[in-house]
Amino acid sequence: MRRNLLAAVAAMFLAFTGAAVAADQDFTLVNSTGFEIDQLFVSPHSSNNWGADVLGRDVLPTGRQTDISFPPNTRPCAWDLKVVYSDGGSASWMNINLCSISKVTLFYNRQTDVTRAVTE
């Protein structure tokens, strides 16, 4: 009985730690702003710079979406996100837990001049 209990506890521990190591930060970004996104930056929250534009030469037209993938074994869950529109305007969000979401949809409110991000 004790051996079975130890085996069950060991299996639970391995399953739990395996899930923690295999955290998935990949997500889909949906542009519902009404404006074309020219640049997209995704940076670890602990970083002091944005790094490279992950869209590269591409743009993300309004009404479209793109999948953002991370290399295997990427560790941090807390990320910052910044978009730059074709007209030069920008919006950013800090400390997004990408380990717990799979989709970020951006909306722009013309009356308040605010872009908000809704996560799923």
Protein backbone atom coordinates (compact mmCIF):
# COMPACT_ATOMS: atom_id res chain seq x y z
CA MET A 1 0.00 0.00 0.00
CA ARG A 2 2.77 2.41 0.93
CA ARG A 3 4.64 1.66 -2.31
CA ASN A 4 1.49 2.49 -4.35
CA LEU A 5 1.02 5.73 -2.43
CA LEU A 6 4.64 6.76 -3.06
CA ALA A 7 4.30 5.90 -6.76
CA ALA A 8 1.10 7.96 -7.03
CA VAL A 9 2.73 10.94 -5.30
CA ALA A 10 5.79 10.65 -7.56
CA ALA A 11 3.59 10.49 -10.66
CA MET A 12 1.64 13.56 -9.54
CA PHE A 13 4.89 15.44 -8.86
CA LEU A 14 6.29 14.58 -12.29
CA ALA A 15 3.05 15.57 -14.01
CA PHE A 16 2.94 18.88 -12.15
CA THR A 17 6.59 19.79 -12.73
CA GLY A 18 6.37 18.69 -16.36
CA ALA A 19 3.47 21.06 -16.91
CA ALA A 20 5.38 23.90 -15.29
CA VAL A 21 8.41 23.37 -17.52
CA ALA A 22 6.27 23.05 -20.64
CA ALA A 23 4.53 26.41 -20.18
CA ASP A 24 3.30 27.65 -23.54
CA GLN A 25 3.54 31.38 -24.24
CA ASP A 26 2.31 31.12 -27.85
CA PHE A 27 -0.70 33.32 -28.63
CA THR A 28 -2.79 34.74 -31.44
CA LEU A 29 -2.95 38.52 -31.86
CA VAL A 30 -6.19 39.81 -33.42
CA ASN A 31 -6.26 43.35 -34.81
CA SER A 32 -9.76 44.77 -34.33
CA THR A 33 -8.58 48.37 -34.04
CA GLY A 34 -9.64 49.72 -37.42
CA PHE A 35 -5.97 50.55 -38.16
CA GLU A 36 -3.09 48.68 -39.74
CA ILE A 37 -0.39 47.54 -37.30
CA ASP A 38 3.05 48.19 -38.75
CA GLN A 39 5.20 46.84 -35.91
CA LEU A 40 4.74 44.41 -33.03
CA PHE A 41 7.11 44.01 -30.12
CA VAL A 42 6.90 41.25 -27.51
CA SER A 43 9.48 41.50 -24.75
CA PRO A 44 9.99 39.77 -21.40
CA HIS A 45 8.60 41.99 -18.64
CA SER A 46 12.01 41.91 -16.95
CA SER A 47 13.70 43.43 -20.03
CA ASN A 48 14.47 47.13 -20.43
CA ASN A 49 14.18 47.15 -24.23
CA TRP A 50 11.68 46.01 -26.83
CA GLY A 51 14.00 44.07 -29.10
CA ALA A 52 13.12 43.36 -32.74
CA ASP A 53 9.79 43.86 -34.48
CA VAL A 54 8.28 40.35 -34.62
CA LEU A 55 6.27 41.21 -37.75
CA GLY A 56 9.48 41.94 -39.63
CA ARG A 57 8.56 43.35 -43.05
CA ASP A 58 4.92 42.26 -42.67
CA VAL A 59 2.02 44.34 -41.38
CA LEU A 60 -1.17 43.24 -39.62
CA PRO A 61 -4.20 44.76 -41.34
CA THR A 62 -7.32 45.48 -39.33
CA GLY A 63 -9.64 42.49 -39.13
CA ARG A 64 -6.74 40.04 -39.42
CA GLN A 65 -4.80 37.96 -36.93
CA THR A 66 -1.33 36.48 -36.60
CA ASP A 67 0.10 33.67 -34.50
CA ILE A 68 3.07 34.49 -32.28
CA SER A 69 5.23 31.51 -31.36
CA PHE A 70 8.06 31.19 -28.87
CA PRO A 71 11.01 28.80 -28.95
CA PRO A 72 10.66 25.63 -26.85
CA ASN A 73 11.76 25.97 -23.22
CA THR A 74 10.98 29.70 -23.07
CA ARG A 75 10.73 30.32 -19.34
CA PRO A 76 9.16 33.65 -18.40
CA CYS A 77 5.38 33.97 -18.37
CA ALA A 78 5.28 37.77 -17.87
CA TRP A 79 5.62 39.68 -21.15
CA ASP A 80 5.12 43.22 -22.42
CA LEU A 81 3.41 43.92 -25.73
CA LYS A 82 3.69 47.01 -27.93
CA VAL A 83 2.08 47.80 -31.28
CA VAL A 84 3.00 50.64 -33.61
CA TYR A 85 0.39 51.67 -36.16
CA SER A 86 1.16 52.68 -39.73
CA ASP A 87 0.42 56.32 -38.82
CA GLY A 88 3.12 56.23 -36.10
CA GLY A 89 0.80 55.97 -33.09
CA SER A 90 1.44 53.22 -30.57
CA ALA A 91 -0.03 51.37 -27.61
CA SER A 92 1.55 49.04 -25.07
CA TRP A 93 0.55 46.68 -22.29
CA MET A 94 2.79 45.48 -19.49
CA ASN A 95 3.09 42.26 -17.51
CA ILE A 96 0.78 40.05 -19.57
CA ASN A 97 0.82 36.43 -18.37
CA LEU A 98 1.21 34.60 -21.68
CA CYS A 99 1.28 31.23 -19.91
CA SER A 100 -2.41 31.61 -19.06
CA ILE A 101 -3.79 33.09 -22.31
CA SER A 102 -3.90 32.03 -25.95
CA LYS A 103 -5.44 35.06 -27.65
CA VAL A 104 -5.07 38.84 -27.43
CA THR A 105 -7.62 40.96 -29.30
CA LEU A 106 -6.95 44.68 -29.70
CA PHE A 107 -9.80 47.22 -29.89
CA TYR A 108 -9.58 50.98 -30.45
CA ASN A 109 -12.14 53.43 -29.04
CA ARG A 110 -12.21 56.60 -31.16
CA GLN A 111 -14.12 58.60 -28.51
CA THR A 112 -11.55 57.99 -25.75
CA ASP A 113 -8.52 57.51 -28.06
CA VAL A 114 -7.64 54.35 -26.12
CA THR A 115 -6.59 50.95 -27.44
CA ARG A 116 -7.49 48.08 -25.12
CA ALA A 117 -6.37 44.47 -25.13
CA VAL A 118 -8.82 41.69 -24.32
CA THR A 119 -7.22 38.36 -23.43
CA GLU A 120 -8.63 34.85 -23.62
